[in-house]
């Protein structure tokens, strides 16, 4: 909200029915992201994403972000990261 006005509002339309269906992993990643920002201002959400996202901190500017990486527990993320470096 900006004052008593909504800053941005999103909604699904009938066009959503014509889009490819997402798999469970994709849906979970989006739900995770939405849950992280719900109820926060854009400034708060931006700061949290910069400060709290391991993938945001580790990716070069302009790089595609792996939206699944932040959903993983730290130990699992570290194991996968090490395996990728070795390969």
PDB file of N, CA and C in Angstrom:
ATOM      1  N   UNK A   1       0.833  -1.184   0.000  1.00  0.00           N
ATOM      2  CA  UNK A   1       0.000   0.000   0.000  1.00  0.00           C
ATOM      3  C   UNK A   1       0.879   1.249   0.000  1.00  0.00           C
ATOM      4  N   UNK A   2       0.462   2.200  -0.762  1.00  0.00           N
ATOM      5  CA  UNK A   2       1.073   3.523  -0.725  1.00  0.00           C
ATOM      6  C   UNK A   2      -0.043   4.441  -0.256  1.00  0.00           C
ATOM      7  N   UNK A   3       0.089   4.870   1.008  1.00  0.00           N
ATOM      8  CA  UNK A   3      -1.026   5.593   1.603  1.00  0.00           C
ATOM      9  C   UNK A   3      -2.216   4.663   1.662  1.00  0.00           C
ATOM     10  N   UNK A   4      -3.331   5.090   1.070  1.00  0.00           N
ATOM     11  CA  UNK A   4      -4.511   4.228   1.042  1.00  0.00           C
ATOM     12  C   UNK A   4      -4.709   3.574  -0.331  1.00  0.00           C
ATOM     13  N   UNK A   5      -3.673   3.601  -1.172  1.00  0.00           N
ATOM     14  CA  UNK A   5      -3.743   3.038  -2.525  1.00  0.00           C
ATOM     15  C   UNK A   5      -2.882   1.788  -2.644  1.00  0.00           C
ATOM     16  N   UNK A   6      -3.347   0.808  -3.397  1.00  0.00           N
ATOM     17  CA  UNK A   6      -2.546  -0.372  -3.674  1.00  0.00           C
ATOM     18  C   UNK A   6      -1.453   0.003  -4.664  1.00  0.00           C
ATOM     19  N   UNK A   7      -0.223  -0.411  -4.389  1.00  0.00           N
ATOM     20  CA  UNK A   7       0.881  -0.126  -5.292  1.00  0.00           C
ATOM     21  C   UNK A   7       0.848  -1.072  -6.490  1.00  0.00           C
ATOM     22  N   UNK A   8       0.662  -2.348  -6.248  1.00  0.00           N
ATOM     23  CA  UNK A   8       0.639  -3.366  -7.296  1.00  0.00           C
ATOM     24  C   UNK A   8      -0.356  -4.436  -6.891  1.00  0.00           C
ATOM     25  N   UNK A   9      -1.048  -4.953  -7.880  1.00  0.00           N
ATOM     26  CA  UNK A   9      -1.967  -6.057  -7.609  1.00  0.00           C
ATOM     27  C   UNK A   9      -1.891  -7.045  -8.759  1.00  0.00           C
ATOM     28  N   UNK A  10      -1.774  -8.303  -8.448  1.00  0.00           N
ATOM     29  CA  UNK A  10      -1.716  -9.358  -9.458  1.00  0.00           C
ATOM     30  C   UNK A  10      -2.922 -10.257  -9.304  1.00  0.00           C
ATOM     31  N   UNK A  11      -3.379 -10.798 -10.414  1.00  0.00           N
ATOM     32  CA  UNK A  11      -4.457 -11.773 -10.352  1.00  0.00           C
ATOM     33  C   UNK A  11      -4.370 -12.696 -11.567  1.00  0.00           C
ATOM     34  N   UNK A  12      -4.894 -13.897 -11.419  1.00  0.00           N
ATOM     35  CA  UNK A  12      -4.955 -14.832 -12.529  1.00  0.00           C
ATOM     36  C   UNK A  12      -6.197 -14.537 -13.363  1.00  0.00           C
ATOM     37  N   UNK A  13      -6.052 -14.677 -14.664  1.00  0.00           N
ATOM     38  CA  UNK A  13      -7.194 -14.481 -15.557  1.00  0.00           C
ATOM     39  C   UNK A  13      -7.501 -15.806 -16.242  1.00  0.00           C
ATOM     40  N   UNK A  14      -8.492 -15.788 -17.132  1.00  0.00           N
ATOM     41  CA  UNK A  14      -8.850 -17.007 -17.852  1.00  0.00           C
ATOM     42  C   UNK A  14      -7.706 -17.484 -18.750  1.00  0.00           C
ATOM     43  N   UNK A  15      -6.743 -16.630 -19.057  1.00  0.00           N
ATOM     44  CA  UNK A  15      -5.593 -17.044 -19.860  1.00  0.00           C
ATOM     45  C   UNK A  15      -4.724 -18.064 -19.132  1.00  0.00           C
ATOM     46  N   UNK A  16      -4.797 -18.092 -17.824  1.00  0.00           N
ATOM     47  CA  UNK A  16      -3.997 -19.051 -17.051  1.00  0.00           C
ATOM     48  C   UNK A  16      -4.318 -20.487 -17.430  1.00  0.00           C
ATOM     49  N   UNK A  17      -5.543 -20.754 -17.824  1.00  0.00           N
ATOM     50  CA  UNK A  17      -5.940 -22.114 -18.208  1.00  0.00           C
ATOM     51  C   UNK A  17      -5.214 -22.597 -19.457  1.00  0.00           C
ATOM     52  N   UNK A  18      -4.749 -21.663 -20.307  1.00  0.00           N
ATOM     53  CA  UNK A  18      -4.093 -22.058 -21.555  1.00  0.00           C
ATOM     54  C   UNK A  18      -2.580 -22.211 -21.408  1.00  0.00           C
ATOM     55  N   UNK A  19      -2.046 -21.924 -20.242  1.00  0.00           N
ATOM     56  CA  UNK A  19      -0.607 -22.039 -20.012  1.00  0.00           C
ATOM     57  C   UNK A  19      -0.227 -23.462 -19.656  1.00  0.00           C
ATOM     58  N   UNK A  20       1.026 -23.802 -19.921  1.00  0.00           N
ATOM     59  CA  UNK A  20       1.522 -25.135 -19.548  1.00  0.00           C
ATOM     60  C   UNK A  20       1.421 -25.300 -18.035  1.00  0.00           C
ATOM     61  N   UNK A  21       1.058 -26.490 -17.625  1.00  0.00           N
ATOM     62  CA  UNK A  21       0.954 -26.769 -16.193  1.00  0.00           C
ATOM     63  C   UNK A  21       2.348 -26.930 -15.582  1.00  0.00           C
ATOM     64  N   UNK A  22       2.505 -26.447 -14.372  1.00  0.00           N
ATOM     65  CA  UNK A  22       3.778 -26.576 -13.675  1.00  0.00           C
ATOM     66  C   UNK A  22       3.824 -27.902 -12.931  1.00  0.00           C
ATOM     67  N   UNK A  23       5.059 -28.412 -12.775  1.00  0.00           N
ATOM     68  CA  UNK A  23       5.198 -29.627 -11.977  1.00  0.00           C
ATOM     69  C   UNK A  23       5.240 -29.240 -10.495  1.00  0.00           C
ATOM     70  N   UNK A  24       5.260 -30.224  -9.622  1.00  0.00           N
ATOM     71  CA  UNK A  24       5.217 -29.965  -8.175  1.00  0.00           C
ATOM     72  C   UNK A  24       6.413 -29.147  -7.702  1.00  0.00           C
ATOM     73  N   UNK A  25       7.600 -29.426  -8.246  1.00  0.00           N
ATOM     74  CA  UNK A  25       8.800 -28.689  -7.834  1.00  0.00           C
ATOM     75  C   UNK A  25       8.689 -27.211  -8.212  1.00  0.00           C
ATOM     76  N   UNK A  26       8.191 -26.938  -9.409  1.00  0.00           N
ATOM     77  CA  UNK A  26       8.018 -25.553  -9.852  1.00  0.00           C
ATOM     78  C   UNK A  26       6.977 -24.832  -8.991  1.00  0.00           C
ATOM     79  N   UNK A  27       5.868 -25.500  -8.737  1.00  0.00           N
ATOM     80  CA  UNK A  27       4.822 -24.905  -7.893  1.00  0.00           C
ATOM     81  C   UNK A  27       5.335 -24.637  -6.478  1.00  0.00           C
ATOM     82  N   UNK A  28       6.102 -25.570  -5.942  1.00  0.00           N
ATOM     83  CA  UNK A  28       6.655 -25.406  -4.598  1.00  0.00           C
ATOM     84  C   UNK A  28       7.627 -24.235  -4.536  1.00  0.00           C
ATOM     85  N   UNK A  29       8.437 -24.070  -5.572  1.00  0.00           N
ATOM     86  CA  UNK A  29       9.395 -22.963  -5.608  1.00  0.00           C
ATOM     87  C   UNK A  29       8.671 -21.619  -5.623  1.00  0.00           C
ATOM     88  N   UNK A  30       7.603 -21.533  -6.388  1.00  0.00           N
ATOM     89  CA  UNK A  30       6.837 -20.282  -6.444  1.00  0.00           C
ATOM     90  C   UNK A  30       6.141 -20.029  -5.113  1.00  0.00           C
ATOM     91  N   UNK A  31       5.556 -21.063  -4.534  1.00  0.00           N
ATOM     92  CA  UNK A  31       4.875 -20.909  -3.238  1.00  0.00           C
ATOM     93  C   UNK A  31       5.871 -20.453  -2.176  1.00  0.00           C
ATOM     94  N   UNK A  32       7.075 -21.029  -2.190  1.00  0.00           N
ATOM     95  CA  UNK A  32       8.125 -20.649  -1.239  1.00  0.00           C
ATOM     96  C   UNK A  32       8.442 -19.154  -1.389  1.00  0.00           C
ATOM     97  N   UNK A  33       8.612 -18.710  -2.621  1.00  0.00           N
ATOM     98  CA  UNK A  33       8.909 -17.293  -2.864  1.00  0.00           C
ATOM     99  C   UNK A  33       7.794 -16.375  -2.412  1.00  0.00           C
ATOM    100  N   UNK A  34       6.572 -16.734  -2.710  1.00  0.00           N
ATOM    101  CA  UNK A  34       5.422 -15.923  -2.299  1.00  0.00           C
ATOM    102  C   UNK A  34       5.340 -15.866  -0.773  1.00  0.00           C
ATOM    103  N   UNK A  35       5.513 -17.012  -0.121  1.00  0.00           N
ATOM    104  CA  UNK A  35       5.442 -17.055   1.344  1.00  0.00           C
ATOM    105  C   UNK A  35       6.515 -16.173   1.982  1.00  0.00           C
ATOM    106  N   UNK A  36       7.676 -16.047   1.329  1.00  0.00           N
ATOM    107  CA  UNK A  36       8.766 -15.235   1.878  1.00  0.00           C
ATOM    108  C   UNK A  36       8.476 -13.740   1.820  1.00  0.00           C
ATOM    109  N   UNK A  37       7.621 -13.303   0.899  1.00  0.00           N
ATOM    110  CA  UNK A  37       7.396 -11.863   0.740  1.00  0.00           C
ATOM    111  C   UNK A  37       6.005 -11.389   1.135  1.00  0.00           C
ATOM    112  N   UNK A  38       5.103 -12.315   1.387  1.00  0.00           N
ATOM    113  CA  UNK A  38       3.736 -11.900   1.704  1.00  0.00           C
ATOM    114  C   UNK A  38       3.733 -10.997   2.944  1.00  0.00           C
ATOM    115  N   UNK A  39       3.007  -9.898   2.834  1.00  0.00           N
ATOM    116  CA  UNK A  39       2.883  -8.968   3.948  1.00  0.00           C
ATOM    117  C   UNK A  39       4.045  -7.991   4.085  1.00  0.00           C
ATOM    118  N   UNK A  40       5.004  -8.035   3.178  1.00  0.00           N
ATOM    119  CA  UNK A  40       6.165  -7.146   3.256  1.00  0.00           C
ATOM    120  C   UNK A  40       6.083  -6.090   2.171  1.00  0.00           C
ATOM    121  N   UNK A  41       6.674  -4.955   2.443  1.00  0.00           N
ATOM    122  CA  UNK A  41       6.762  -3.926   1.413  1.00  0.00           C
ATOM    123  C   UNK A  41       7.795  -4.356   0.377  1.00  0.00           C
ATOM    124  N   UNK A  42       7.804  -3.704  -0.778  1.00  0.00           N
ATOM    125  CA  UNK A  42       8.803  -4.018  -1.807  1.00  0.00           C
ATOM    126  C   UNK A  42      10.210  -3.795  -1.263  1.00  0.00           C
ATOM    127  N   UNK A  43      10.388  -2.749  -0.494  1.00  0.00           N
ATOM    128  CA  UNK A  43      11.706  -2.453   0.079  1.00  0.00           C
ATOM    129  C   UNK A  43      12.142  -3.560   1.039  1.00  0.00           C
ATOM    130  N   UNK A  44      11.221  -4.012   1.902  1.00  0.00           N
ATOM    131  CA  UNK A  44      11.538  -5.089   2.846  1.00  0.00           C
ATOM    132  C   UNK A  44      11.844  -6.398   2.103  1.00  0.00           C
ATOM    133  N   UNK A  45      11.018  -6.726   1.114  1.00  0.00           N
ATOM    134  CA  UNK A  45      11.220  -7.961   0.355  1.00  0.00           C
ATOM    135  C   UNK A  45      12.539  -7.923  -0.405  1.00  0.00           C
ATOM    136  N   UNK A  46      12.866  -6.781  -0.979  1.00  0.00           N
ATOM    137  CA  UNK A  46      14.121  -6.645  -1.712  1.00  0.00           C
ATOM    138  C   UNK A  46      15.316  -6.811  -0.783  1.00  0.00           C
ATOM    139  N   UNK A  47      15.267  -6.139   0.356  1.00  0.00           N
ATOM    140  CA  UNK A  47      16.380  -6.239   1.308  1.00  0.00           C
ATOM    141  C   UNK A  47      16.553  -7.675   1.781  1.00  0.00           C
ATOM    142  N   UNK A  48      15.448  -8.329   2.112  1.00  0.00           N
ATOM    143  CA  UNK A  48      15.541  -9.711   2.578  1.00  0.00           C
ATOM    144  C   UNK A  48      16.094 -10.629   1.495  1.00  0.00           C
ATOM    145  N   UNK A  49      15.679 -10.402   0.245  1.00  0.00           N
ATOM    146  CA  UNK A  49      16.181 -11.266  -0.826  1.00  0.00           C
ATOM    147  C   UNK A  49      17.673 -11.068  -1.047  1.00  0.00           C
ATOM    148  N   UNK A  50      18.134  -9.850  -0.867  1.00  0.00           N
ATOM    149  CA  UNK A  50      19.567  -9.589  -1.022  1.00  0.00           C
ATOM    150  C   UNK A  50      20.364 -10.130   0.167  1.00  0.00           C
ATOM    151  N   UNK A  51      19.832  -9.970   1.348  1.00  0.00           N
ATOM    152  CA  UNK A  51      20.553 -10.377   2.564  1.00  0.00           C
ATOM    153  C   UNK A  51      20.412 -11.861   2.879  1.00  0.00           C
ATOM    154  N   UNK A  52      19.246 -12.435   2.629  1.00  0.00           N
ATOM    155  CA  UNK A  52      18.971 -13.776   3.109  1.00  0.00           C
ATOM    156  C   UNK A  52      19.031 -14.880   2.078  1.00  0.00           C
ATOM    157  N   UNK A  53      19.202 -14.543   0.822  1.00  0.00           N
ATOM    158  CA  UNK A  53      19.201 -15.559  -0.229  1.00  0.00           C
ATOM    159  C   UNK A  53      20.625 -15.958  -0.587  1.00  0.00           C
ATOM    160  N   UNK A  54      20.961 -17.214  -0.347  1.00  0.00           N
ATOM    161  CA  UNK A  54      22.316 -17.685  -0.678  1.00  0.00           C
ATOM    162  C   UNK A  54      22.549 -17.626  -2.183  1.00  0.00           C
ATOM    163  N   UNK A  55      21.530 -17.937  -2.984  1.00  0.00           N
ATOM    164  CA  UNK A  55      21.723 -17.917  -4.432  1.00  0.00           C
ATOM    165  C   UNK A  55      21.880 -16.486  -4.945  1.00  0.00           C
ATOM    166  N   UNK A  56      21.183 -15.539  -4.347  1.00  0.00           N
ATOM    167  CA  UNK A  56      21.315 -14.131  -4.743  1.00  0.00           C
ATOM    168  C   UNK A  56      22.735 -13.656  -4.447  1.00  0.00           C
ATOM    169  N   UNK A  57      23.232 -13.996  -3.266  1.00  0.00           N
ATOM    170  CA  UNK A  57      24.576 -13.551  -2.870  1.00  0.00           C
ATOM    171  C   UNK A  57      25.670 -14.209  -3.697  1.00  0.00           C
ATOM    172  N   UNK A  58      25.441 -15.433  -4.166  1.00  0.00           N
ATOM    173  CA  UNK A  58      26.507 -16.161  -4.851  1.00  0.00           C
ATOM    174  C   UNK A  58      26.461 -16.037  -6.373  1.00  0.00           C
ATOM    175  N   UNK A  59      25.431 -15.417  -6.926  1.00  0.00           N
ATOM    176  CA  UNK A  59      25.306 -15.304  -8.377  1.00  0.00           C
ATOM    177  C   UNK A  59      25.841 -13.973  -8.882  1.00  0.00           C
ATOM    178  N   UNK A  60      26.555 -14.000 -10.005  1.00  0.00           N
ATOM    179  CA  UNK A  60      27.046 -12.742 -10.582  1.00  0.00           C
ATOM    180  C   UNK A  60      25.878 -11.876 -11.063  1.00  0.00           C
ATOM    181  N   UNK A  61      26.084 -10.581 -11.100  1.00  0.00           N
ATOM    182  CA  UNK A  61      25.051  -9.666 -11.600  1.00  0.00           C
ATOM    183  C   UNK A  61      24.609 -10.088 -13.002  1.00  0.00           C
ATOM    184  N   UNK A  62      23.321 -10.118 -13.205  1.00  0.00           N
ATOM    185  CA  UNK A  62      22.763 -10.461 -14.505  1.00  0.00           C
ATOM    186  C   UNK A  62      22.602 -11.945 -14.759  1.00  0.00           C
ATOM    187  N   UNK A  63      23.110 -12.780 -13.851  1.00  0.00           N
ATOM    188  CA  UNK A  63      23.007 -14.226 -14.039  1.00  0.00           C
ATOM    189  C   UNK A  63      21.604 -14.711 -13.698  1.00  0.00           C
ATOM    190  N   UNK A  64      21.206 -15.803 -14.333  1.00  0.00           N
ATOM    191  CA  UNK A  64      19.935 -16.431 -14.003  1.00  0.00           C
ATOM    192  C   UNK A  64      20.047 -17.031 -12.602  1.00  0.00           C
ATOM    193  N   UNK A  65      19.018 -16.816 -11.787  1.00  0.00           N
ATOM    194  CA  UNK A  65      19.037 -17.331 -10.422  1.00  0.00           C
ATOM    195  C   UNK A  65      18.381 -18.706 -10.368  1.00  0.00           C
ATOM    196  N   UNK A  66      19.006 -19.611  -9.635  1.00  0.00           N
ATOM    197  CA  UNK A  66      18.446 -20.948  -9.438  1.00  0.00           C
ATOM    198  C   UNK A  66      17.396 -20.845  -8.336  1.00  0.00           C
ATOM    199  N   UNK A  67      16.144 -20.759  -8.724  1.00  0.00           N
ATOM    200  CA  UNK A  67      15.075 -20.516  -7.756  1.00  0.00           C
ATOM    201  C   UNK A  67      14.876 -21.661  -6.781  1.00  0.00           C
ATOM    202  N   UNK A  68      15.438 -22.830  -7.080  1.00  0.00           N
ATOM    203  CA  UNK A  68      15.274 -23.979  -6.202  1.00  0.00           C
ATOM    204  C   UNK A  68      16.323 -24.014  -5.087  1.00  0.00           C
ATOM    205  N   UNK A  69      17.443 -23.335  -5.279  1.00  0.00           N
ATOM    206  CA  UNK A  69      18.572 -23.453  -4.357  1.00  0.00           C
ATOM    207  C   UNK A  69      18.240 -22.984  -2.943  1.00  0.00           C
ATOM    208  N   UNK A  70      17.491 -21.924  -2.798  1.00  0.00           N
ATOM    209  CA  UNK A  70      17.185 -21.420  -1.460  1.00  0.00           C
ATOM    210  C   UNK A  70      16.177 -22.284  -0.716  1.00  0.00           C
ATOM    211  N   UNK A  71      15.504 -23.179  -1.420  1.00  0.00           N
ATOM    212  CA  UNK A  71      14.539 -24.062  -0.772  1.00  0.00           C
ATOM    213  C   UNK A  71      15.226 -25.229  -0.071  1.00  0.00           C
ATOM    214  N   UNK A  72      16.467 -25.499  -0.438  1.00  0.00           N
ATOM    215  CA  UNK A  72      17.194 -26.650   0.102  1.00  0.00           C
ATOM    216  C   UNK A  72      17.753 -26.352   1.484  1.00  0.00           C
ATOM    217  N   UNK A  73      17.770 -27.340   2.370  1.00  0.00           N
ATOM    218  CA  UNK A  73      18.449 -27.165   3.655  1.00  0.00           C
ATOM    219  C   UNK A  73      19.939 -26.903   3.409  1.00  0.00           C
ATOM    220  N   UNK A  74      20.588 -26.212   4.320  1.00  0.00           N
ATOM    221  CA  UNK A  74      21.987 -25.830   4.148  1.00  0.00           C
ATOM    222  C   UNK A  74      22.894 -27.015   3.847  1.00  0.00           C
ATOM    223  N   UNK A  75      22.744 -28.122   4.576  1.00  0.00           N
ATOM    224  CA  UNK A  75      23.632 -29.270   4.366  1.00  0.00           C
ATOM    225  C   UNK A  75      23.456 -29.873   2.971  1.00  0.00           C
ATOM    226  N   UNK A  76      22.223 -29.940   2.491  1.00  0.00           N
ATOM    227  CA  UNK A  76      21.962 -30.471   1.160  1.00  0.00           C
ATOM    228  C   UNK A  76      22.528 -29.528   0.093  1.00  0.00           C
ATOM    229  N   UNK A  77      22.334 -28.243   0.278  1.00  0.00           N
ATOM    230  CA  UNK A  77      22.853 -27.249  -0.668  1.00  0.00           C
ATOM    231  C   UNK A  77      24.373 -27.329  -0.756  1.00  0.00           C
ATOM    232  N   UNK A  78      25.035 -27.421   0.389  1.00  0.00           N
ATOM    233  CA  UNK A  78      26.498 -27.504   0.413  1.00  0.00           C
ATOM    234  C   UNK A  78      26.993 -28.760  -0.294  1.00  0.00           C
ATOM    235  N   UNK A  79      26.339 -29.879  -0.072  1.00  0.00           N
ATOM    236  CA  UNK A  79      26.742 -31.138  -0.705  1.00  0.00           C
ATOM    237  C   UNK A  79      26.606 -31.055  -2.223  1.00  0.00           C
ATOM    238  N   UNK A  80      25.516 -30.508  -2.703  1.00  0.00           N
ATOM    239  CA  UNK A  80      25.306 -30.372  -4.144  1.00  0.00           C
ATOM    240  C   UNK A  80      26.306 -29.384  -4.729  1.00  0.00           C
ATOM    241  N   UNK A  81      26.541 -28.277  -4.045  1.00  0.00           N
ATOM    242  CA  UNK A  81      27.507 -27.273  -4.521  1.00  0.00           C
ATOM    243  C   UNK A  81      28.891 -27.877  -4.663  1.00  0.00           C
ATOM    244  N   UNK A  82      29.322 -28.633  -3.662  1.00  0.00           N
ATOM    245  CA  UNK A  82      30.645 -29.275  -3.712  1.00  0.00           C
ATOM    246  C   UNK A  82      30.717 -30.281  -4.846  1.00  0.00           C
ATOM    247  N   UNK A  83      29.665 -31.029  -5.066  1.00  0.00           N
ATOM    248  CA  UNK A  83      29.647 -32.019  -6.141  1.00  0.00           C
ATOM    249  C   UNK A  83      29.745 -31.332  -7.502  1.00  0.00           C
ATOM    250  N   UNK A  84      29.094 -30.188  -7.643  1.00  0.00           N
ATOM    251  CA  UNK A  84      29.142 -29.457  -8.922  1.00  0.00           C
ATOM    252  C   UNK A  84      30.544 -28.895  -9.177  1.00  0.00           C
ATOM    253  N   UNK A  85      31.195 -28.432  -8.138  1.00  0.00           N
ATOM    254  CA  UNK A  85      32.544 -27.879  -8.286  1.00  0.00           C
ATOM    255  C   UNK A  85      33.509 -28.984  -8.725  1.00  0.00           C
ATOM    256  N   UNK A  86      33.334 -30.189  -8.183  1.00  0.00           N
ATOM    257  CA  UNK A  86      34.215 -31.299  -8.521  1.00  0.00           C
ATOM    258  C   UNK A  86      34.014 -31.784  -9.957  1.00  0.00           C
ATOM    259  N   UNK A  87      32.807 -31.615 -10.493  1.00  0.00           N
ATOM    260  CA  UNK A  87      32.540 -32.153 -11.838  1.00  0.00           C
ATOM    261  C   UNK A  87      32.972 -31.227 -12.944  1.00  0.00           C
TER     262      UNK A  87
END
